[in-house]
Structures are given as C-alpha cells and as structure tokens.
C-alpha cells in the first residue's frame, strides 16, 4: 500500500499548510527497526509475490534474479507480502513446506534501507503532542507532518520513511488497526 511520490508530495504540501511550519517533533534520527522476535536462521533479499490469488505465495528472492528463492510462511507472511519490491531480512526457522523449495517460518523481519533513506516499522500511535511510531522494543519515534490518510490509521502497524525531525516522506500499512 505504498504511495506514489507525486501523491505524497501533494499530501505533504497540504499537511505543511495545515500544520504550519513548526511541526511537532524535535530533530532526531530515524531508527532502523524491524518487527517480531528474531529466530536462529535468516534470509535476505527482495520480497516478491508469485502465483495468482488465492494461491499466491510470498518469497524472498535472495539473488535478485529469481533464482534463489525462499518461501515465507507463518503469521507474518501477510505483512511481508505488503513489502513487495523492498529488500528485507526475514528471520525464523527453516521448515518443510507444502511445495518444493526452501521455506522459512517467519518470526521477525527488518526492512533493509540506506542511511540516506532509513525506514522503521512500528505501531502508529497518537497523544496530546501528535503522532509517534511505537517500535517493537518499546521505543517511540515522534512523527510530524503526518498525511491525513495516515492519521486515520492510528493503531495500525506500518513502515515509515521519515526525514530528520520526523517529517513523514513515505509509508505503507502492514496490518490494519485491531483497536
């Protein structure tokens, strides 16, 4: 559910106009975090979805050329599917699957991002000061200039790319709010 760059720019401009120039966050560095409890084994590569619904499968393409694939299984598969096209590290336990190939029962994942474009995963929360991302370890990261569509997703687990000061540059909803 990633947003296009043009749509985000328009939303960010509207958010800046509505929120004023002050923002609600002090300058800080975006934490790089994943979600879940790490397992003993891991695989890294690009997330891909193969097949047709309702039989589509999620996999991690280790070599980037579709040759060395590991199918993702478990409760986090749906979230990892929503990261299609992104590079991730999935940890868990290698297991047997319902079809030939390697399979990993995912217990956690981390989005691999560059220092210039960090991405964090957490639960979108709100308090009197505004919005913040609650990371899996309990840490909180204050966000500013939150687009209106994202503001409506309080309680959802999502990935966020934010500039210094917490200014949201991009996001994707991984799991809808259960509240």
C-alpha atoms as a PDB file:
ATOM      1  CA  UNK A   1       0.000   0.000   0.000  1.00  0.00           C
ATOM      2  CA  UNK A   2       2.903   2.342  -0.769  1.00  0.00           C
ATOM      3  CA  UNK A   3       2.023   5.778  -2.033  1.00  0.00           C
ATOM      4  CA  UNK A   4       3.258   7.337  -5.237  1.00  0.00           C
ATOM      5  CA  UNK A   5       5.807  10.111  -4.969  1.00  0.00           C
ATOM      6  CA  UNK A   6       3.523  12.726  -6.624  1.00  0.00           C
ATOM      7  CA  UNK A   7       0.568  11.857  -4.377  1.00  0.00           C
ATOM      8  CA  UNK A   8       2.804  12.051  -1.341  1.00  0.00           C
ATOM      9  CA  UNK A   9       4.188  15.456  -2.349  1.00  0.00           C
ATOM     10  CA  UNK A  10       0.680  16.851  -2.728  1.00  0.00           C
ATOM     11  CA  UNK A  11      -0.355  15.429   0.641  1.00  0.00           C
ATOM     12  CA  UNK A  12       2.817  16.687   2.317  1.00  0.00           C
ATOM     13  CA  UNK A  13       2.215  20.180   0.959  1.00  0.00           C
ATOM     14  CA  UNK A  14      -1.342  20.120   2.308  1.00  0.00           C
ATOM     15  CA  UNK A  15      -0.109  18.792   5.649  1.00  0.00           C
ATOM     16  CA  UNK A  16       2.513  21.532   5.872  1.00  0.00           C
ATOM     17  CA  UNK A  17      -0.095  24.178   5.107  1.00  0.00           C
ATOM     18  CA  UNK A  18      -2.464  22.803   7.740  1.00  0.00           C
ATOM     19  CA  UNK A  19       0.175  22.178  10.395  1.00  0.00           C
ATOM     20  CA  UNK A  20       2.197  25.342   9.846  1.00  0.00           C
ATOM     21  CA  UNK A  21       5.951  25.333   9.655  1.00  0.00           C
ATOM     22  CA  UNK A  22       6.666  24.446  13.280  1.00  0.00           C
ATOM     23  CA  UNK A  23       5.959  20.701  13.162  1.00  0.00           C
ATOM     24  CA  UNK A  24       5.621  18.716  16.371  1.00  0.00           C
ATOM     25  CA  UNK A  25       8.983  16.984  16.618  1.00  0.00           C
ATOM     26  CA  UNK A  26      12.491  17.930  17.522  1.00  0.00           C
ATOM     27  CA  UNK A  27      15.235  16.853  15.081  1.00  0.00           C
ATOM     28  CA  UNK A  28      16.094  13.208  15.506  1.00  0.00           C
ATOM     29  CA  UNK A  29      17.468  10.320  13.521  1.00  0.00           C
ATOM     30  CA  UNK A  30      15.038   7.763  12.135  1.00  0.00           C
ATOM     31  CA  UNK A  31      15.557   4.459  13.944  1.00  0.00           C
ATOM     32  CA  UNK A  32      16.010   1.399  11.775  1.00  0.00           C
ATOM     33  CA  UNK A  33      13.898  -1.341  13.264  1.00  0.00           C
ATOM     34  CA  UNK A  34      12.077  -4.479  12.340  1.00  0.00           C
ATOM     35  CA  UNK A  35       9.227  -6.356  13.924  1.00  0.00           C
ATOM     36  CA  UNK A  36       8.941  -9.578  15.877  1.00  0.00           C
ATOM     37  CA  UNK A  37      11.199 -11.943  17.786  1.00  0.00           C
ATOM     38  CA  UNK A  38      14.370 -12.984  15.973  1.00  0.00           C
ATOM     39  CA  UNK A  39      14.804 -16.610  15.072  1.00  0.00           C
ATOM     40  CA  UNK A  40      18.005 -18.627  14.686  1.00  0.00           C
ATOM     41  CA  UNK A  41      18.074 -18.530  10.877  1.00  0.00           C
ATOM     42  CA  UNK A  42      17.651 -15.719   8.373  1.00  0.00           C
ATOM     43  CA  UNK A  43      17.367 -14.933   4.710  1.00  0.00           C
ATOM     44  CA  UNK A  44      17.735 -11.581   2.946  1.00  0.00           C
ATOM     45  CA  UNK A  45      16.640 -10.354  -0.442  1.00  0.00           C
ATOM     46  CA  UNK A  46      13.783  -8.753  -2.335  1.00  0.00           C
ATOM     47  CA  UNK A  47      10.192  -9.597  -1.412  1.00  0.00           C
ATOM     48  CA  UNK A  48       8.185 -10.987  -4.316  1.00  0.00           C
ATOM     49  CA  UNK A  49       4.709 -12.437  -4.697  1.00  0.00           C
ATOM     50  CA  UNK A  50       4.259 -15.265  -7.186  1.00  0.00           C
ATOM     51  CA  UNK A  51       1.213 -17.083  -8.466  1.00  0.00           C
ATOM     52  CA  UNK A  52      -2.381 -15.976  -8.742  1.00  0.00           C
ATOM     53  CA  UNK A  53      -4.811 -15.273  -5.927  1.00  0.00           C
ATOM     54  CA  UNK A  54      -5.997 -17.124  -3.937  1.00  0.00           C
ATOM     55  CA  UNK A  55      -2.921 -19.324  -4.404  1.00  0.00           C
ATOM     56  CA  UNK A  56      -0.313 -16.538  -4.447  1.00  0.00           C
ATOM     57  CA  UNK A  57       2.830 -17.144  -2.383  1.00  0.00           C
ATOM     58  CA  UNK A  58       5.300 -14.747  -0.813  1.00  0.00           C
ATOM     59  CA  UNK A  59       9.012 -15.318  -1.245  1.00  0.00           C
ATOM     60  CA  UNK A  60      12.342 -13.673  -0.630  1.00  0.00           C
ATOM     61  CA  UNK A  61      14.475 -13.566  -3.789  1.00  0.00           C
ATOM     62  CA  UNK A  62      17.998 -13.873  -2.379  1.00  0.00           C
ATOM     63  CA  UNK A  63      19.990 -13.240  -5.535  1.00  0.00           C
ATOM     64  CA  UNK A  64      17.677 -10.630  -7.080  1.00  0.00           C
ATOM     65  CA  UNK A  65      17.336 -12.643 -10.265  1.00  0.00           C
ATOM     66  CA  UNK A  66      14.543 -15.022  -9.291  1.00  0.00           C
ATOM     67  CA  UNK A  67      16.880 -17.984  -8.924  1.00  0.00           C
ATOM     68  CA  UNK A  68      17.475 -18.428  -5.196  1.00  0.00           C
ATOM     69  CA  UNK A  69      14.059 -18.113  -3.544  1.00  0.00           C
ATOM     70  CA  UNK A  70      12.818 -18.870  -0.037  1.00  0.00           C
ATOM     71  CA  UNK A  71       9.067 -19.085   0.556  1.00  0.00           C
ATOM     72  CA  UNK A  72       7.786 -17.186   3.607  1.00  0.00           C
ATOM     73  CA  UNK A  73       5.270 -18.857   5.917  1.00  0.00           C
ATOM     74  CA  UNK A  74       3.709 -18.035   9.273  1.00  0.00           C
ATOM     75  CA  UNK A  75       1.712 -15.236  10.822  1.00  0.00           C
ATOM     76  CA  UNK A  76       3.985 -12.509   9.393  1.00  0.00           C
ATOM     77  CA  UNK A  77       3.595 -13.639   5.771  1.00  0.00           C
ATOM     78  CA  UNK A  78       0.781 -11.145   5.061  1.00  0.00           C
ATOM     79  CA  UNK A  79       2.835  -8.234   6.381  1.00  0.00           C
ATOM     80  CA  UNK A  80       5.925  -9.300   4.480  1.00  0.00           C
ATOM     81  CA  UNK A  81       3.819  -9.605   1.314  1.00  0.00           C
ATOM     82  CA  UNK A  82       2.954  -5.908   1.666  1.00  0.00           C
ATOM     83  CA  UNK A  83       6.684  -5.160   1.379  1.00  0.00           C
ATOM     84  CA  UNK A  84       6.821  -6.479  -2.211  1.00  0.00           C
ATOM     85  CA  UNK A  85       9.742  -4.925  -4.079  1.00  0.00           C
ATOM     86  CA  UNK A  86      11.582  -3.932  -0.887  1.00  0.00           C
ATOM     87  CA  UNK A  87      14.740  -5.581   0.437  1.00  0.00           C
ATOM     88  CA  UNK A  88      14.268  -7.329   3.782  1.00  0.00           C
ATOM     89  CA  UNK A  89      15.925  -9.651   6.255  1.00  0.00           C
ATOM     90  CA  UNK A  90      13.495 -12.335   7.426  1.00  0.00           C
ATOM     91  CA  UNK A  91      14.427 -14.429  10.455  1.00  0.00           C
ATOM     92  CA  UNK A  92      12.803 -17.559  11.792  1.00  0.00           C
ATOM     93  CA  UNK A  93      13.282 -21.258  11.281  1.00  0.00           C
ATOM     94  CA  UNK A  94      13.743 -23.137   8.034  1.00  0.00           C
ATOM     95  CA  UNK A  95      10.942 -25.651   7.676  1.00  0.00           C
ATOM     96  CA  UNK A  96       9.255 -28.030   5.260  1.00  0.00           C
ATOM     97  CA  UNK A  97       6.600 -26.556   3.020  1.00  0.00           C
ATOM     98  CA  UNK A  98       3.614 -27.632   1.020  1.00  0.00           C
ATOM     99  CA  UNK A  99       5.585 -27.398  -2.230  1.00  0.00           C
ATOM    100  CA  UNK A 100       9.179 -27.968  -3.350  1.00  0.00           C
ATOM    101  CA  UNK A 101      11.766 -25.397  -2.366  1.00  0.00           C
ATOM    102  CA  UNK A 102      13.095 -23.764   0.764  1.00  0.00           C
ATOM    103  CA  UNK A 103      10.665 -22.328   3.339  1.00  0.00           C
ATOM    104  CA  UNK A 104      11.162 -20.095   6.370  1.00  0.00           C
ATOM    105  CA  UNK A 105       8.644 -19.788   9.207  1.00  0.00           C
ATOM    106  CA  UNK A 106       8.998 -16.040   9.778  1.00  0.00           C
ATOM    107  CA  UNK A 107       9.216 -14.765  13.340  1.00  0.00           C
ATOM    108  CA  UNK A 108      10.607 -11.309  12.531  1.00  0.00           C
ATOM    109  CA  UNK A 109      11.642  -9.088   9.661  1.00  0.00           C
ATOM    110  CA  UNK A 110      13.635  -5.943   9.070  1.00  0.00           C
ATOM    111  CA  UNK A 111      13.484  -3.609   6.098  1.00  0.00           C
ATOM    112  CA  UNK A 112      16.954  -3.007   4.674  1.00  0.00           C
ATOM    113  CA  UNK A 113      17.411   0.667   3.909  1.00  0.00           C
ATOM    114  CA  UNK A 114      20.289   3.012   3.272  1.00  0.00           C
ATOM    115  CA  UNK A 115      21.481   5.650   5.735  1.00  0.00           C
ATOM    116  CA  UNK A 116      20.048   8.285   3.399  1.00  0.00           C
ATOM    117  CA  UNK A 117      16.654   6.590   3.290  1.00  0.00           C
ATOM    118  CA  UNK A 118      16.002   4.878   6.663  1.00  0.00           C
ATOM    119  CA  UNK A 119      12.757   3.000   7.260  1.00  0.00           C
ATOM    120  CA  UNK A 120      11.267   1.876  10.582  1.00  0.00           C
ATOM    121  CA  UNK A 121       8.422  -0.500  11.445  1.00  0.00           C
ATOM    122  CA  UNK A 122       6.029   0.129  14.316  1.00  0.00           C
ATOM    123  CA  UNK A 123       2.517   0.903  15.540  1.00  0.00           C
ATOM    124  CA  UNK A 124       1.144   4.369  14.736  1.00  0.00           C
ATOM    125  CA  UNK A 125       0.012   5.998  17.982  1.00  0.00           C
ATOM    126  CA  UNK A 126      -1.271   9.423  18.981  1.00  0.00           C
ATOM    127  CA  UNK A 127      -1.052  11.538  22.125  1.00  0.00           C
ATOM    128  CA  UNK A 128      -1.570  15.219  23.019  1.00  0.00           C
ATOM    129  CA  UNK A 129       1.638  16.180  21.200  1.00  0.00           C
ATOM    130  CA  UNK A 130       0.728  14.429  17.938  1.00  0.00           C
ATOM    131  CA  UNK A 131       1.697  11.164  16.284  1.00  0.00           C
ATOM    132  CA  UNK A 132       4.525   8.782  17.044  1.00  0.00           C
ATOM    133  CA  UNK A 133       5.695   5.352  15.914  1.00  0.00           C
ATOM    134  CA  UNK A 134       5.925   2.767  18.727  1.00  0.00           C
ATOM    135  CA  UNK A 135       8.722   0.349  17.803  1.00  0.00           C
ATOM    136  CA  UNK A 136       8.757  -3.346  18.757  1.00  0.00           C
ATOM    137  CA  UNK A 137      11.273  -2.789  21.576  1.00  0.00           C
ATOM    138  CA  UNK A 138       9.049  -0.130  23.172  1.00  0.00           C
ATOM    139  CA  UNK A 139      10.967   2.913  21.924  1.00  0.00           C
ATOM    140  CA  UNK A 140       8.942   5.756  20.441  1.00  0.00           C
ATOM    141  CA  UNK A 141       9.765   7.930  17.444  1.00  0.00           C
ATOM    142  CA  UNK A 142       7.904  11.230  17.111  1.00  0.00           C
ATOM    143  CA  UNK A 143       6.437  11.973  13.637  1.00  0.00           C
ATOM    144  CA  UNK A 144       5.463  15.301  12.114  1.00  0.00           C
ATOM    145  CA  UNK A 145       3.561  16.443   9.051  1.00  0.00           C
ATOM    146  CA  UNK A 146       1.590  13.202   9.033  1.00  0.00           C
ATOM    147  CA  UNK A 147      -0.560  12.952   5.871  1.00  0.00           C
ATOM    148  CA  UNK A 148      -4.339  12.899   6.569  1.00  0.00           C
ATOM    149  CA  UNK A 149      -4.722   9.354   5.193  1.00  0.00           C
ATOM    150  CA  UNK A 150      -2.035   8.117   7.577  1.00  0.00           C
ATOM    151  CA  UNK A 151      -3.576   9.981  10.520  1.00  0.00           C
ATOM    152  CA  UNK A 152      -6.701   7.854  10.057  1.00  0.00           C
ATOM    153  CA  UNK A 153      -4.614   4.673  10.517  1.00  0.00           C
ATOM    154  CA  UNK A 154      -3.830   5.130  14.227  1.00  0.00           C
ATOM    155  CA  UNK A 155      -3.262   1.715  15.799  1.00  0.00           C
ATOM    156  CA  UNK A 156      -2.069   0.117  12.561  1.00  0.00           C
ATOM    157  CA  UNK A 157       1.368  -1.479  12.125  1.00  0.00           C
ATOM    158  CA  UNK A 158       3.239   0.245   9.300  1.00  0.00           C
ATOM    159  CA  UNK A 159       6.567   1.088   7.799  1.00  0.00           C
ATOM    160  CA  UNK A 160       7.562   4.741   7.738  1.00  0.00           C
ATOM    161  CA  UNK A 161      10.324   6.633   5.977  1.00  0.00           C
ATOM    162  CA  UNK A 162      10.897   9.964   7.686  1.00  0.00           C
ATOM    163  CA  UNK A 163      13.305  12.826   7.232  1.00  0.00           C
ATOM    164  CA  UNK A 164      15.120  14.449  10.136  1.00  0.00           C
ATOM    165  CA  UNK A 165      12.621  15.894  12.557  1.00  0.00           C
ATOM    166  CA  UNK A 166      10.196  13.061  11.902  1.00  0.00           C
ATOM    167  CA  UNK A 167       8.699  14.519   8.718  1.00  0.00           C
ATOM    168  CA  UNK A 168       6.916  11.583   7.051  1.00  0.00           C
ATOM    169  CA  UNK A 169       8.179  11.022   3.487  1.00  0.00           C
ATOM    170  CA  UNK A 170       6.567   7.681   2.763  1.00  0.00           C
ATOM    171  CA  UNK A 171       4.701   4.859   4.445  1.00  0.00           C
ATOM    172  CA  UNK A 172       2.828   1.619   3.926  1.00  0.00           C
ATOM    173  CA  UNK A 173       0.271  -0.106   6.138  1.00  0.00           C
ATOM    174  CA  UNK A 174       1.369  -3.635   7.055  1.00  0.00           C
ATOM    175  CA  UNK A 175      -1.509  -4.620   9.359  1.00  0.00           C
ATOM    176  CA  UNK A 176      -4.713  -2.682   9.980  1.00  0.00           C
ATOM    177  CA  UNK A 177      -5.543  -1.469  13.481  1.00  0.00           C
ATOM    178  CA  UNK A 178      -7.142  -4.001  15.795  1.00  0.00           C
ATOM    179  CA  UNK A 179      -8.426  -1.268  18.140  1.00  0.00           C
END
